Amino acid sequence: MKALLDINVLLDFLLARKGFENAALILDKARQRNFTACVSAHEITTLSCFLEKDSRFRGTYRGTIASLFTMTE
């Protein structure tokens, strides 16, 4: 089964927004290969913008996004 992940799922998890536990569960299932997680190309650029502006990710946001590539298509 394939699922297209909404950018809000990724942002909830990465930015630890309210309800991020649900997003963490989804991403954990994707990491375990219970399903094929897909993201659209424009989500990557949008994520870059959000993470670059967040002080917790300064200098590491590229690595964070690269790690998403290991569990998504």
C-alpha atoms as a PDB file:
ATOM      1  CA  MET A   1       0.000   0.000   0.000  1.00  0.00           C
ATOM      2  CA  LYS A   2       1.201   3.520  -0.789  1.00  0.00           C
ATOM      3  CA  ALA A   3       0.215   6.667   1.074  1.00  0.00           C
ATOM      4  CA  LEU A   4       0.945  10.282   0.190  1.00  0.00           C
ATOM      5  CA  LEU A   5       1.922  12.056   3.399  1.00  0.00           C
ATOM      6  CA  ASP A   6       0.482  15.505   3.873  1.00  0.00           C
ATOM      7  CA  ILE A   7       3.050  18.155   4.716  1.00  0.00           C
ATOM      8  CA  ASN A   8       1.257  18.828   7.993  1.00  0.00           C
ATOM      9  CA  VAL A   9       2.051  15.294   9.178  1.00  0.00           C
ATOM     10  CA  LEU A  10       5.735  15.977   8.571  1.00  0.00           C
ATOM     11  CA  LEU A  11       5.609  19.425  10.149  1.00  0.00           C
ATOM     12  CA  ASP A  12       3.690  18.156  13.178  1.00  0.00           C
ATOM     13  CA  PHE A  13       6.374  15.563  13.805  1.00  0.00           C
ATOM     14  CA  LEU A  14       9.451  17.663  13.051  1.00  0.00           C
ATOM     15  CA  LEU A  15       8.292  20.778  14.882  1.00  0.00           C
ATOM     16  CA  ALA A  16       6.649  18.800  17.724  1.00  0.00           C
ATOM     17  CA  ARG A  17       3.382  20.591  17.171  1.00  0.00           C
ATOM     18  CA  LYS A  18       0.206  19.666  19.033  1.00  0.00           C
ATOM     19  CA  GLY A  19      -0.770  16.111  18.150  1.00  0.00           C
ATOM     20  CA  PHE A  20       2.716  15.184  16.956  1.00  0.00           C
ATOM     21  CA  GLU A  21       2.332  11.763  18.583  1.00  0.00           C
ATOM     22  CA  ASN A  22      -0.057  10.727  15.801  1.00  0.00           C
ATOM     23  CA  ALA A  23       2.416  11.889  13.170  1.00  0.00           C
ATOM     24  CA  ALA A  24       5.198  10.005  14.964  1.00  0.00           C
ATOM     25  CA  LEU A  25       3.131   6.827  14.810  1.00  0.00           C
ATOM     26  CA  ILE A  26       2.550   7.246  11.070  1.00  0.00           C
ATOM     27  CA  LEU A  27       6.232   7.891  10.395  1.00  0.00           C
ATOM     28  CA  ASP A  28       7.262   4.965  12.574  1.00  0.00           C
ATOM     29  CA  LYS A  29       5.016   2.667  10.534  1.00  0.00           C
ATOM     30  CA  ALA A  30       6.593   4.054   7.364  1.00  0.00           C
ATOM     31  CA  ARG A  31      10.093   3.488   8.764  1.00  0.00           C
ATOM     32  CA  GLN A  32       9.137  -0.116   9.537  1.00  0.00           C
ATOM     33  CA  ARG A  33       7.947  -0.455   5.917  1.00  0.00           C
ATOM     34  CA  ASN A  34       4.365  -1.288   6.915  1.00  0.00           C
ATOM     35  CA  PHE A  35       3.417   0.856   3.927  1.00  0.00           C
ATOM     36  CA  THR A  36       5.186   2.930   1.304  1.00  0.00           C
ATOM     37  CA  ALA A  37       5.205   6.568   2.370  1.00  0.00           C
ATOM     38  CA  CYS A  38       5.384   9.098  -0.444  1.00  0.00           C
ATOM     39  CA  VAL A  39       5.969  12.851  -0.390  1.00  0.00           C
ATOM     40  CA  SER A  40       5.604  15.309  -3.217  1.00  0.00           C
ATOM     41  CA  ALA A  41       8.597  17.262  -4.468  1.00  0.00           C
ATOM     42  CA  HIS A  42       7.167  20.620  -3.433  1.00  0.00           C
ATOM     43  CA  GLU A  43       6.864  19.377   0.165  1.00  0.00           C
ATOM     44  CA  ILE A  44      10.644  19.118   0.361  1.00  0.00           C
ATOM     45  CA  THR A  45      11.179  22.769  -0.521  1.00  0.00           C
ATOM     46  CA  THR A  46       8.421  23.873   1.850  1.00  0.00           C
ATOM     47  CA  LEU A  47       9.903  21.772   4.662  1.00  0.00           C
ATOM     48  CA  SER A  48      13.285  23.348   3.999  1.00  0.00           C
ATOM     49  CA  CYS A  49      11.798  26.816   4.463  1.00  0.00           C
ATOM     50  CA  PHE A  50      10.072  25.916   7.730  1.00  0.00           C
ATOM     51  CA  LEU A  51      13.061  24.088   9.190  1.00  0.00           C
ATOM     52  CA  GLU A  52      15.598  26.700   8.130  1.00  0.00           C
ATOM     53  CA  LYS A  53      13.636  29.366  10.040  1.00  0.00           C
ATOM     54  CA  ASP A  54      13.378  27.238  13.212  1.00  0.00           C
ATOM     55  CA  SER A  55      16.377  27.758  15.484  1.00  0.00           C
ATOM     56  CA  ARG A  56      16.315  24.087  16.544  1.00  0.00           C
ATOM     57  CA  PHE A  57      17.236  23.073  13.003  1.00  0.00           C
ATOM     58  CA  ARG A  58      19.787  25.732  12.059  1.00  0.00           C
ATOM     59  CA  GLY A  59      22.634  23.992  10.316  1.00  0.00           C
ATOM     60  CA  THR A  60      20.980  20.559  10.515  1.00  0.00           C
ATOM     61  CA  TYR A  61      17.807  20.908   8.481  1.00  0.00           C
ATOM     62  CA  ARG A  62      19.383  19.386   5.360  1.00  0.00           C
ATOM     63  CA  GLY A  63      20.304  16.268   7.320  1.00  0.00           C
ATOM     64  CA  THR A  64      16.812  16.095   8.757  1.00  0.00           C
ATOM     65  CA  ILE A  65      15.289  16.201   5.302  1.00  0.00           C
ATOM     66  CA  ALA A  66      17.814  13.664   4.014  1.00  0.00           C
ATOM     67  CA  SER A  67      16.735  11.278   6.760  1.00  0.00           C
ATOM     68  CA  LEU A  68      13.150  11.599   5.535  1.00  0.00           C
ATOM     69  CA  PHE A  69      14.326  10.319   2.154  1.00  0.00           C
ATOM     70  CA  THR A  70      15.332   7.032   3.780  1.00  0.00           C
ATOM     71  CA  MET A  71      11.730   6.254   4.717  1.00  0.00           C
ATOM     72  CA  THR A  72       9.780   7.875   1.868  1.00  0.00           C
ATOM     73  CA  GLU A  73       9.546   7.886  -1.890  1.00  0.00           C
END
